[in-house]
Amino acid sequence: MSEPARLPVAAGKFYTAKAAALRSELEVFLGQAGLEQPALGCMLPHAGYVFSGKVAGLTLARVAVPETVILLGPNHTGLGPSLSLWPGGHWHTPLGNVPVDGEGVESLMNSPEGAGLFTADTSAHLREHSLEVILPFLQMRREKLRIIPLCVCEYNLDKLARAGRALAALARSLREAGRASLLLTSSDMSHYLPHEQGQKLDRLALEQIEKLDPEGLFQVCVREKISMCGFAPMTMMLCACRELGAARCHTVAHTSSGITGRAYGADMRSVVGYAGAVIA
């Protein structure tokens, strides 16, 4: 039985499908090397590159990308189980293939912390763009790369916390085996609000992220109806980072499509917010 291959669905839409042009564009977004620092986790936006690419690049340029990246993203399609792990094989982008760490997937599914939470599933990922859009950035930063892709459509705080503990346990086991890993959440911020209103709501969520407070993030997004599409995977990642002893979180950039898309006729009356953050 052949291993599953995940083909791109956002190439030619969210970003160019031509490899040479994509590399050139990413080089601009990522800027000069030399800023990289070890990190436990980071958050990047996942819109079309003309809108969110600069924020993603500025943020990832500050992170030392190890060989193993645990990718968490929201489920925009509603397909598949609530915590869907792509089981193995590889993901393809215009820049080439990225292998999935099948052993890491198995470890998550069979760990005491994660037993019964995660499902090996491809359906949640096949039409989902949030992780794919991030992958070419990672390919530019790390030639030898393995990923553990997790699509999240779970909104029970206790389950998110438990899943976060499972991620932390996996990261610790990888570290004990001499393998560094990075947790990376793909999320945009508030959606389709006037710029100032959206930025205000974004800051409420970012305050909780900067405090490394997963419960606070979850609660403020629910209470204030903040349409941060990845608040659930970000809650999970904050739980994991807290378990791993995170000491600080820095917001690298925060803007909106009204600003970044000005040259494309963006409407400041209806914007999407973008932010990048690094946790160490």
C-alpha atoms as a PDB file:
ATOM      1  CA  MET A   1       0.000   0.000   0.000  1.00  0.00           C
ATOM      2  CA  SER A   2       1.482   3.335  -1.047  1.00  0.00           C
ATOM      3  CA  GLU A   3       2.093   6.043   1.516  1.00  0.00           C
ATOM      4  CA  PRO A   4      -0.283   9.020   1.390  1.00  0.00           C
ATOM      5  CA  ALA A   5       0.830  12.052  -0.614  1.00  0.00           C
ATOM      6  CA  ARG A   6      -0.811  15.381   0.074  1.00  0.00           C
ATOM      7  CA  LEU A   7      -0.899  17.536  -3.064  1.00  0.00           C
ATOM      8  CA  PRO A   8      -1.127  21.341  -2.859  1.00  0.00           C
ATOM      9  CA  VAL A   9      -4.524  23.010  -3.169  1.00  0.00           C
ATOM     10  CA  ALA A  10      -3.440  26.621  -2.482  1.00  0.00           C
ATOM     11  CA  ALA A  11      -0.614  26.862  -5.044  1.00  0.00           C
ATOM     12  CA  GLY A  12      -1.585  29.302  -7.757  1.00  0.00           C
ATOM     13  CA  LYS A  13      -4.164  30.864  -5.424  1.00  0.00           C
ATOM     14  CA  PHE A  14      -2.609  31.851  -2.102  1.00  0.00           C
ATOM     15  CA  TYR A  15       0.921  31.772  -3.529  1.00  0.00           C
ATOM     16  CA  THR A  16       2.575  31.238  -6.894  1.00  0.00           C
ATOM     17  CA  ALA A  17       2.861  27.688  -8.190  1.00  0.00           C
ATOM     18  CA  LYS A  18       6.133  28.445 -10.025  1.00  0.00           C
ATOM     19  CA  ALA A  19       9.118  27.264  -7.975  1.00  0.00           C
ATOM     20  CA  ALA A  20      11.670  29.887  -9.038  1.00  0.00           C
ATOM     21  CA  ALA A  21       9.270  32.795  -8.523  1.00  0.00           C
ATOM     22  CA  LEU A  22       8.163  31.338  -5.177  1.00  0.00           C
ATOM     23  CA  ARG A  23      11.753  31.083  -3.934  1.00  0.00           C
ATOM     24  CA  SER A  24      12.442  34.686  -4.920  1.00  0.00           C
ATOM     25  CA  GLU A  25       9.313  35.905  -3.171  1.00  0.00           C
ATOM     26  CA  LEU A  26      10.080  33.956  -0.007  1.00  0.00           C
ATOM     27  CA  GLU A  27      13.652  35.270   0.080  1.00  0.00           C
ATOM     28  CA  VAL A  28      12.242  38.790   0.250  1.00  0.00           C
ATOM     29  CA  PHE A  29       9.748  37.912   2.979  1.00  0.00           C
ATOM     30  CA  LEU A  30      12.346  36.104   5.091  1.00  0.00           C
ATOM     31  CA  GLY A  31      14.993  38.814   4.660  1.00  0.00           C
ATOM     32  CA  GLN A  32      18.538  38.389   5.882  1.00  0.00           C
ATOM     33  CA  ALA A  33      19.682  35.403   7.927  1.00  0.00           C
ATOM     34  CA  GLY A  34      21.334  35.729  11.316  1.00  0.00           C
ATOM     35  CA  LEU A  35      18.316  36.590  13.450  1.00  0.00           C
ATOM     36  CA  GLU A  36      17.428  32.988  14.331  1.00  0.00           C
ATOM     37  CA  GLN A  37      16.985  32.030  17.979  1.00  0.00           C
ATOM     38  CA  PRO A  38      15.863  28.710  19.496  1.00  0.00           C
ATOM     39  CA  ALA A  39      12.135  28.705  20.204  1.00  0.00           C
ATOM     40  CA  LEU A  40       9.520  26.361  21.605  1.00  0.00           C
ATOM     41  CA  GLY A  41       6.739  27.627  19.383  1.00  0.00           C
ATOM     42  CA  CYS A  42       5.568  30.312  17.016  1.00  0.00           C
ATOM     43  CA  MET A  43       2.384  31.565  15.370  1.00  0.00           C
ATOM     44  CA  LEU A  44       2.215  32.584  11.707  1.00  0.00           C
ATOM     45  CA  PRO A  45      -0.667  33.838   9.514  1.00  0.00           C
ATOM     46  CA  HIS A  46      -1.843  31.855   6.494  1.00  0.00           C
ATOM     47  CA  ALA A  47      -3.535  34.224   4.026  1.00  0.00           C
ATOM     48  CA  GLY A  48      -2.437  34.923   0.475  1.00  0.00           C
ATOM     49  CA  TYR A  49       1.217  35.888   0.491  1.00  0.00           C
ATOM     50  CA  VAL A  50       0.565  39.388  -0.835  1.00  0.00           C
ATOM     51  CA  PHE A  51      -1.436  40.011   2.337  1.00  0.00           C
ATOM     52  CA  SER A  52       0.250  38.010   5.110  1.00  0.00           C
ATOM     53  CA  GLY A  53       3.591  36.914   3.681  1.00  0.00           C
ATOM     54  CA  LYS A  54       5.563  39.767   5.198  1.00  0.00           C
ATOM     55  CA  VAL A  55       4.307  39.024   8.725  1.00  0.00           C
ATOM     56  CA  ALA A  56       5.017  35.305   8.306  1.00  0.00           C
ATOM     57  CA  GLY A  57       8.504  35.997   6.984  1.00  0.00           C
ATOM     58  CA  LEU A  58       9.425  38.546   9.652  1.00  0.00           C
ATOM     59  CA  THR A  59       8.368  36.105  12.347  1.00  0.00           C
ATOM     60  CA  LEU A  60       9.930  32.918  11.020  1.00  0.00           C
ATOM     61  CA  ALA A  61      13.202  34.730  10.279  1.00  0.00           C
ATOM     62  CA  ARG A  62      13.637  35.039  14.054  1.00  0.00           C
ATOM     63  CA  VAL A  63      13.201  31.325  14.732  1.00  0.00           C
ATOM     64  CA  ALA A  64      15.789  28.559  14.432  1.00  0.00           C
ATOM     65  CA  VAL A  65      13.857  25.940  12.480  1.00  0.00           C
ATOM     66  CA  PRO A  66      14.809  22.396  13.544  1.00  0.00           C
ATOM     67  CA  GLU A  67      14.376  19.241  11.480  1.00  0.00           C
ATOM     68  CA  THR A  68      11.022  18.351  13.067  1.00  0.00           C
ATOM     69  CA  VAL A  69       8.124  20.815  13.034  1.00  0.00           C
ATOM     70  CA  ILE A  70       4.773  20.002  14.628  1.00  0.00           C
ATOM     71  CA  LEU A  71       2.251  21.954  12.556  1.00  0.00           C
ATOM     72  CA  LEU A  72      -1.112  22.910  14.057  1.00  0.00           C
ATOM     73  CA  GLY A  73      -3.840  24.644  12.122  1.00  0.00           C
ATOM     74  CA  PRO A  74      -7.590  25.232  12.082  1.00  0.00           C
ATOM     75  CA  ASN A  75     -10.070  23.240  10.055  1.00  0.00           C
ATOM     76  CA  HIS A  76     -11.854  25.615   7.666  1.00  0.00           C
ATOM     77  CA  THR A  77     -13.659  22.856   5.758  1.00  0.00           C
ATOM     78  CA  GLY A  78     -15.308  20.975   8.639  1.00  0.00           C
ATOM     79  CA  LEU A  79     -14.176  17.652   7.188  1.00  0.00           C
ATOM     80  CA  GLY A  80     -12.698  14.852   9.254  1.00  0.00           C
ATOM     81  CA  PRO A  81     -12.309  14.218  12.999  1.00  0.00           C
ATOM     82  CA  SER A  82     -11.698  17.028  15.465  1.00  0.00           C
ATOM     83  CA  LEU A  83      -7.977  16.262  15.913  1.00  0.00           C
ATOM     84  CA  SER A  84      -6.752  14.877  12.602  1.00  0.00           C
ATOM     85  CA  LEU A  85      -3.132  13.795  12.131  1.00  0.00           C
ATOM     86  CA  TRP A  86      -1.865  13.188   8.610  1.00  0.00           C
ATOM     87  CA  PRO A  87      -0.476   9.662   9.101  1.00  0.00           C
ATOM     88  CA  GLY A  88       2.651   9.427   6.952  1.00  0.00           C
ATOM     89  CA  GLY A  89       4.003   9.748   3.441  1.00  0.00           C
ATOM     90  CA  HIS A  90       4.791  13.280   2.366  1.00  0.00           C
ATOM     91  CA  TRP A  91       3.355  16.704   1.525  1.00  0.00           C
ATOM     92  CA  HIS A  92       4.163  18.257  -1.832  1.00  0.00           C
ATOM     93  CA  THR A  93       4.682  21.944  -2.624  1.00  0.00           C
ATOM     94  CA  PRO A  94       6.203  23.654  -5.681  1.00  0.00           C
ATOM     95  CA  LEU A  95       9.516  23.535  -3.777  1.00  0.00           C
ATOM     96  CA  GLY A  96       9.461  19.751  -3.431  1.00  0.00           C
ATOM     97  CA  ASN A  97       8.343  17.018  -1.059  1.00  0.00           C
ATOM     98  CA  VAL A  98       8.362  17.178   2.749  1.00  0.00           C
ATOM     99  CA  PRO A  99       8.186  13.835   4.593  1.00  0.00           C
ATOM    100  CA  VAL A 100       5.726  13.336   7.421  1.00  0.00           C
ATOM    101  CA  ASP A 101       7.203  11.967  10.648  1.00  0.00           C
ATOM    102  CA  GLY A 102       5.046   8.864  10.852  1.00  0.00           C
ATOM    103  CA  GLU A 103       6.759   7.685  14.036  1.00  0.00           C
ATOM    104  CA  GLY A 104       5.917  10.996  15.700  1.00  0.00           C
ATOM    105  CA  VAL A 105       2.301  10.642  14.600  1.00  0.00           C
ATOM    106  CA  GLU A 106       2.162   7.137  16.096  1.00  0.00           C
ATOM    107  CA  SER A 107       3.759   8.372  19.317  1.00  0.00           C
ATOM    108  CA  LEU A 108       1.115  11.077  19.693  1.00  0.00           C
ATOM    109  CA  MET A 109      -1.749   8.715  19.033  1.00  0.00           C
ATOM    110  CA  ASN A 110      -0.477   6.009  21.382  1.00  0.00           C
ATOM    111  CA  SER A 111       0.876   8.166  24.205  1.00  0.00           C
ATOM    112  CA  PRO A 112      -0.834   8.026  27.624  1.00  0.00           C
ATOM    113  CA  GLU A 113      -1.675  11.728  27.287  1.00  0.00           C
ATOM    114  CA  GLY A 114      -3.023  11.499  23.753  1.00  0.00           C
ATOM    115  CA  ALA A 115      -4.708   8.103  23.700  1.00  0.00           C
ATOM    116  CA  GLY A 116      -8.191   8.391  22.202  1.00  0.00           C
ATOM    117  CA  LEU A 117      -7.790  12.069  21.298  1.00  0.00           C
ATOM    118  CA  PHE A 118      -6.080  12.014  17.915  1.00  0.00           C
ATOM    119  CA  THR A 119      -7.145  10.264  14.710  1.00  0.00           C
ATOM    120  CA  ALA A 120      -4.977   9.312  11.750  1.00  0.00           C
ATOM    121  CA  ASP A 121      -6.908  11.022   8.963  1.00  0.00           C
ATOM    122  CA  THR A 122      -6.336  12.659   5.592  1.00  0.00           C
ATOM    123  CA  SER A 123      -9.826  14.014   4.839  1.00  0.00           C
ATOM    124  CA  ALA A 124      -9.482  17.033   7.139  1.00  0.00           C
ATOM    125  CA  HIS A 125      -6.271  18.062   5.348  1.00  0.00           C
ATOM    126  CA  LEU A 126      -7.014  17.504   1.677  1.00  0.00           C
ATOM    127  CA  ARG A 127      -8.778  20.836   1.040  1.00  0.00           C
ATOM    128  CA  GLU A 128      -7.400  22.750   4.038  1.00  0.00           C
ATOM    129  CA  HIS A 129      -4.969  25.575   3.221  1.00  0.00           C
ATOM    130  CA  SER A 130      -3.759  26.725   6.647  1.00  0.00           C
ATOM    131  CA  LEU A 131      -0.772  24.376   6.964  1.00  0.00           C
ATOM    132  CA  GLU A 132       0.101  24.210   3.280  1.00  0.00           C
ATOM    133  CA  VAL A 133       0.559  27.980   3.053  1.00  0.00           C
ATOM    134  CA  ILE A 134       3.198  27.851   5.813  1.00  0.00           C
ATOM    135  CA  LEU A 135       5.158  24.927   4.397  1.00  0.00           C
ATOM    136  CA  PRO A 136       7.157  26.747   1.670  1.00  0.00           C
ATOM    137  CA  PHE A 137       8.434  29.191   4.316  1.00  0.00           C
ATOM    138  CA  LEU A 138       9.711  26.235   6.347  1.00  0.00           C
ATOM    139  CA  GLN A 139      11.261  24.626   3.264  1.00  0.00           C
ATOM    140  CA  MET A 140      13.239  27.799   2.648  1.00  0.00           C
ATOM    141  CA  ARG A 141      14.507  27.793   6.228  1.00  0.00           C
ATOM    142  CA  ARG A 142      15.323  24.087   6.571  1.00  0.00           C
ATOM    143  CA  GLU A 143      16.434  21.828   3.728  1.00  0.00           C
ATOM    144  CA  LYS A 144      15.977  18.592   5.674  1.00  0.00           C
ATOM    145  CA  LEU A 145      12.549  18.935   7.202  1.00  0.00           C
ATOM    146  CA  ARG A 146       9.990  16.553   8.695  1.00  0.00           C
ATOM    147  CA  ILE A 147       6.513  17.588   9.736  1.00  0.00           C
ATOM    148  CA  ILE A 148       3.714  16.318  11.961  1.00  0.00           C
ATOM    149  CA  PRO A 149       0.547  17.962  10.528  1.00  0.00           C
ATOM    150  CA  LEU A 150      -2.422  18.344  12.878  1.00  0.00           C
ATOM    151  CA  CYS A 151      -5.759  19.816  11.771  1.00  0.00           C
ATOM    152  CA  VAL A 152      -7.808  21.074  14.730  1.00  0.00           C
ATOM    153  CA  CYS A 153     -11.583  21.404  14.971  1.00  0.00           C
ATOM    154  CA  GLU A 154     -11.899  20.830  18.723  1.00  0.00           C
ATOM    155  CA  TYR A 155     -13.414  23.455  21.025  1.00  0.00           C
ATOM    156  CA  ASN A 156     -13.474  21.662  24.360  1.00  0.00           C
ATOM    157  CA  LEU A 157     -10.896  23.359  26.572  1.00  0.00           C
ATOM    158  CA  ASP A 158     -10.160  20.241  28.623  1.00  0.00           C
ATOM    159  CA  LYS A 159      -9.453  18.222  25.478  1.00  0.00           C
ATOM    160  CA  LEU A 160      -7.269  20.984  24.049  1.00  0.00           C
ATOM    161  CA  ALA A 161      -5.283  21.064  27.295  1.00  0.00           C
ATOM    162  CA  ARG A 162      -4.879  17.301  27.277  1.00  0.00           C
ATOM    163  CA  ALA A 163      -3.787  17.367  23.631  1.00  0.00           C
ATOM    164  CA  GLY A 164      -1.315  20.115  24.513  1.00  0.00           C
ATOM    165  CA  ARG A 165       0.195  17.914  27.213  1.00  0.00           C
ATOM    166  CA  ALA A 166       0.545  15.138  24.642  1.00  0.00           C
ATOM    167  CA  LEU A 167       2.391  17.506  22.296  1.00  0.00           C
ATOM    168  CA  ALA A 168       4.694  18.527  25.126  1.00  0.00           C
ATOM    169  CA  ALA A 169       5.412  14.885  25.940  1.00  0.00           C
ATOM    170  CA  LEU A 170       6.288  14.246  22.289  1.00  0.00           C
ATOM    171  CA  ALA A 171       8.579  17.292  22.189  1.00  0.00           C
ATOM    172  CA  ARG A 172      10.339  16.092  25.358  1.00  0.00           C
ATOM    173  CA  SER A 173      10.818  12.575  23.979  1.00  0.00           C
ATOM    174  CA  LEU A 174      12.269  13.989  20.765  1.00  0.00           C
ATOM    175  CA  ARG A 175      14.628  16.178  22.774  1.00  0.00           C
ATOM    176  CA  GLU A 176      15.759  13.195  24.851  1.00  0.00           C
ATOM    177  CA  ALA A 177      16.511  11.399  21.584  1.00  0.00           C
ATOM    178  CA  GLY A 178      18.678  14.334  20.486  1.00  0.00           C
ATOM    179  CA  ARG A 179      16.093  15.803  18.113  1.00  0.00           C
ATOM    180  CA  ALA A 180      14.949  19.388  18.523  1.00  0.00           C
ATOM    181  CA  SER A 181      11.405  20.240  17.490  1.00  0.00           C
ATOM    182  CA  LEU A 182       9.291  23.334  16.957  1.00  0.00           C
ATOM    183  CA  LEU A 183       5.575  23.788  17.575  1.00  0.00           C
ATOM    184  CA  LEU A 184       4.025  26.047  14.937  1.00  0.00           C
ATOM    185  CA  THR A 185       0.430  27.264  14.887  1.00  0.00           C
ATOM    186  CA  SER A 186      -1.051  28.684  11.699  1.00  0.00           C
ATOM    187  CA  SER A 187      -3.728  31.292  12.424  1.00  0.00           C
ATOM    188  CA  ASP A 188      -5.102  34.559  11.158  1.00  0.00           C
ATOM    189  CA  MET A 189      -6.665  36.976  13.641  1.00  0.00           C
ATOM    190  CA  SER A 190     -10.080  38.704  13.448  1.00  0.00           C
ATOM    191  CA  HIS A 191     -12.018  38.507  10.193  1.00  0.00           C
ATOM    192  CA  TYR A 192     -14.016  41.009   8.135  1.00  0.00           C
ATOM    193  CA  LEU A 193     -14.258  43.905  10.554  1.00  0.00           C
ATOM    194  CA  PRO A 194     -13.306  47.576  10.226  1.00  0.00           C
ATOM    195  CA  HIS A 195      -9.545  47.911  10.701  1.00  0.00           C
ATOM    196  CA  GLU A 196      -9.580  49.654  14.084  1.00  0.00           C
ATOM    197  CA  GLN A 197     -12.216  47.352  15.558  1.00  0.00           C
ATOM    198  CA  GLY A 198     -10.379  44.271  14.334  1.00  0.00           C
ATOM    199  CA  GLN A 199      -7.032  45.460  15.666  1.00  0.00           C
ATOM    200  CA  LYS A 200      -8.594  46.142  19.069  1.00  0.00           C
ATOM    201  CA  LEU A 201     -10.022  42.632  19.287  1.00  0.00           C
ATOM    202  CA  ASP A 202      -6.760  41.151  18.025  1.00  0.00           C
ATOM    203  CA  ARG A 203      -4.889  42.875  20.837  1.00  0.00           C
ATOM    204  CA  LEU A 204      -7.194  41.290  23.419  1.00  0.00           C
ATOM    205  CA  ALA A 205      -6.204  37.866  22.097  1.00  0.00           C
ATOM    206  CA  LEU A 206      -2.528  38.778  21.718  1.00  0.00           C
ATOM    207  CA  GLU A 207      -2.393  39.967  25.336  1.00  0.00           C
ATOM    208  CA  GLN A 208      -3.323  36.462  26.471  1.00  0.00           C
ATOM    209  CA  ILE A 209      -0.855  34.864  24.073  1.00  0.00           C
ATOM    210  CA  GLU A 210       1.918  37.139  25.338  1.00  0.00           C
ATOM    211  CA  LYS A 211       1.034  36.123  28.899  1.00  0.00           C
ATOM    212  CA  LEU A 212       1.311  32.450  27.851  1.00  0.00           C
ATOM    213  CA  ASP A 213      -2.240  31.969  29.117  1.00  0.00           C
ATOM    214  CA  PRO A 214      -4.100  29.317  27.063  1.00  0.00           C
ATOM    215  CA  GLU A 215      -7.242  29.458  29.200  1.00  0.00           C
ATOM    216  CA  GLY A 216      -7.246  33.251  28.934  1.00  0.00           C
ATOM    217  CA  LEU A 217      -6.946  33.095  25.140  1.00  0.00           C
ATOM    218  CA  PHE A 218      -9.739  30.558  24.835  1.00  0.00           C
ATOM    219  CA  GLN A 219     -12.051  32.480  27.149  1.00  0.00           C
ATOM    220  CA  VAL A 220     -11.481  35.924  25.627  1.00  0.00           C
ATOM    221  CA  CYS A 221     -12.059  34.606  22.099  1.00  0.00           C
ATOM    222  CA  VAL A 222     -15.317  32.977  23.160  1.00  0.00           C
ATOM    223  CA  ARG A 223     -16.498  35.880  25.339  1.00  0.00           C
ATOM    224  CA  GLU A 224     -15.660  38.663  22.858  1.00  0.00           C
ATOM    225  CA  LYS A 225     -16.549  36.555  19.796  1.00  0.00           C
ATOM    226  CA  ILE A 226     -13.075  37.125  18.326  1.00  0.00           C
ATOM    227  CA  SER A 227     -13.001  35.437  14.935  1.00  0.00           C
ATOM    228  CA  MET A 228      -9.386  34.249  15.246  1.00  0.00           C
ATOM    229  CA  CYS A 229      -9.658  31.113  13.121  1.00  0.00           C
ATOM    230  CA  GLY A 230      -6.820  29.296  14.903  1.00  0.00           C
ATOM    231  CA  PHE A 231      -7.586  30.127  18.513  1.00  0.00           C
ATOM    232  CA  ALA A 232      -8.207  26.432  19.316  1.00  0.00           C
ATOM    233  CA  PRO A 233      -4.848  25.136  17.986  1.00  0.00           C
ATOM    234  CA  MET A 234      -3.149  28.152  19.536  1.00  0.00           C
ATOM    235  CA  THR A 235      -4.736  27.305  22.884  1.00  0.00           C
ATOM    236  CA  MET A 236      -3.386  23.778  22.510  1.00  0.00           C
ATOM    237  CA  MET A 237       0.089  25.025  21.608  1.00  0.00           C
ATOM    238  CA  LEU A 238       0.190  27.406  24.570  1.00  0.00           C
ATOM    239  CA  CYS A 239      -0.689  24.487  26.854  1.00  0.00           C
ATOM    240  CA  ALA A 240       2.197  22.516  25.354  1.00  0.00           C
ATOM    241  CA  CYS A 241       4.642  25.403  25.631  1.00  0.00           C
ATOM    242  CA  ARG A 242       3.662  25.985  29.251  1.00  0.00           C
ATOM    243  CA  GLU A 243       4.337  22.306  29.982  1.00  0.00           C
ATOM    244  CA  LEU A 244       7.731  22.704  28.322  1.00  0.00           C
ATOM    245  CA  GLY A 245       8.650  25.631  30.576  1.00  0.00           C
ATOM    246  CA  ALA A 246       8.087  28.590  28.254  1.00  0.00           C
ATOM    247  CA  ALA A 247       9.293  31.848  29.793  1.00  0.00           C
ATOM    248  CA  ARG A 248       8.222  34.527  27.334  1.00  0.00           C
ATOM    249  CA  CYS A 249       6.279  35.334  24.188  1.00  0.00           C
ATOM    250  CA  HIS A 250       7.000  38.200  21.812  1.00  0.00           C
ATOM    251  CA  THR A 251       4.628  39.551  19.176  1.00  0.00           C
ATOM    252  CA  VAL A 252       6.884  40.219  16.190  1.00  0.00           C
ATOM    253  CA  ALA A 253       4.309  41.914  13.952  1.00  0.00           C
ATOM    254  CA  HIS A 254       0.618  42.787  13.923  1.00  0.00           C
ATOM    255  CA  THR A 255      -1.269  44.348  11.030  1.00  0.00           C
ATOM    256  CA  SER A 256      -4.278  43.753   8.768  1.00  0.00           C
ATOM    257  CA  SER A 257      -5.170  43.185   5.146  1.00  0.00           C
ATOM    258  CA  GLY A 258      -6.316  46.791   5.010  1.00  0.00           C
ATOM    259  CA  ILE A 259      -2.693  47.863   5.426  1.00  0.00           C
ATOM    260  CA  THR A 260      -0.836  45.108   3.587  1.00  0.00           C
ATOM    261  CA  GLY A 261      -3.317  45.009   0.726  1.00  0.00           C
ATOM    262  CA  ARG A 262      -3.506  48.749   0.143  1.00  0.00           C
ATOM    263  CA  ALA A 263      -1.814  48.421  -3.249  1.00  0.00           C
ATOM    264  CA  TYR A 264      -4.467  45.888  -4.239  1.00  0.00           C
ATOM    265  CA  GLY A 265      -7.419  48.078  -3.332  1.00  0.00           C
ATOM    266  CA  ALA A 266      -8.028  46.642   0.133  1.00  0.00           C
ATOM    267  CA  ASP A 267     -11.034  48.012   1.977  1.00  0.00           C
ATOM    268  CA  MET A 268     -10.263  49.258   5.507  1.00  0.00           C
ATOM    269  CA  ARG A 269     -13.916  48.698   6.370  1.00  0.00           C
ATOM    270  CA  SER A 270     -13.551  44.910   6.139  1.00  0.00           C
ATOM    271  CA  VAL A 271     -10.139  43.478   6.986  1.00  0.00           C
ATOM    272  CA  VAL A 272      -8.472  40.314   8.275  1.00  0.00           C
ATOM    273  CA  GLY A 273      -5.908  40.661  11.036  1.00  0.00           C
ATOM    274  CA  TYR A 274      -2.435  39.088  10.842  1.00  0.00           C
ATOM    275  CA  ALA A 275       0.047  38.591  13.670  1.00  0.00           C
ATOM    276  CA  GLY A 276       3.264  36.689  14.223  1.00  0.00           C
ATOM    277  CA  ALA A 277       4.523  35.599  17.646  1.00  0.00           C
ATOM    278  CA  VAL A 278       7.486  33.655  19.014  1.00  0.00           C
ATOM    279  CA  ILE A 279       7.498  31.652  22.265  1.00  0.00           C
ATOM    280  CA  ALA A 280      10.735  30.716  24.027  1.00  0.00           C
END
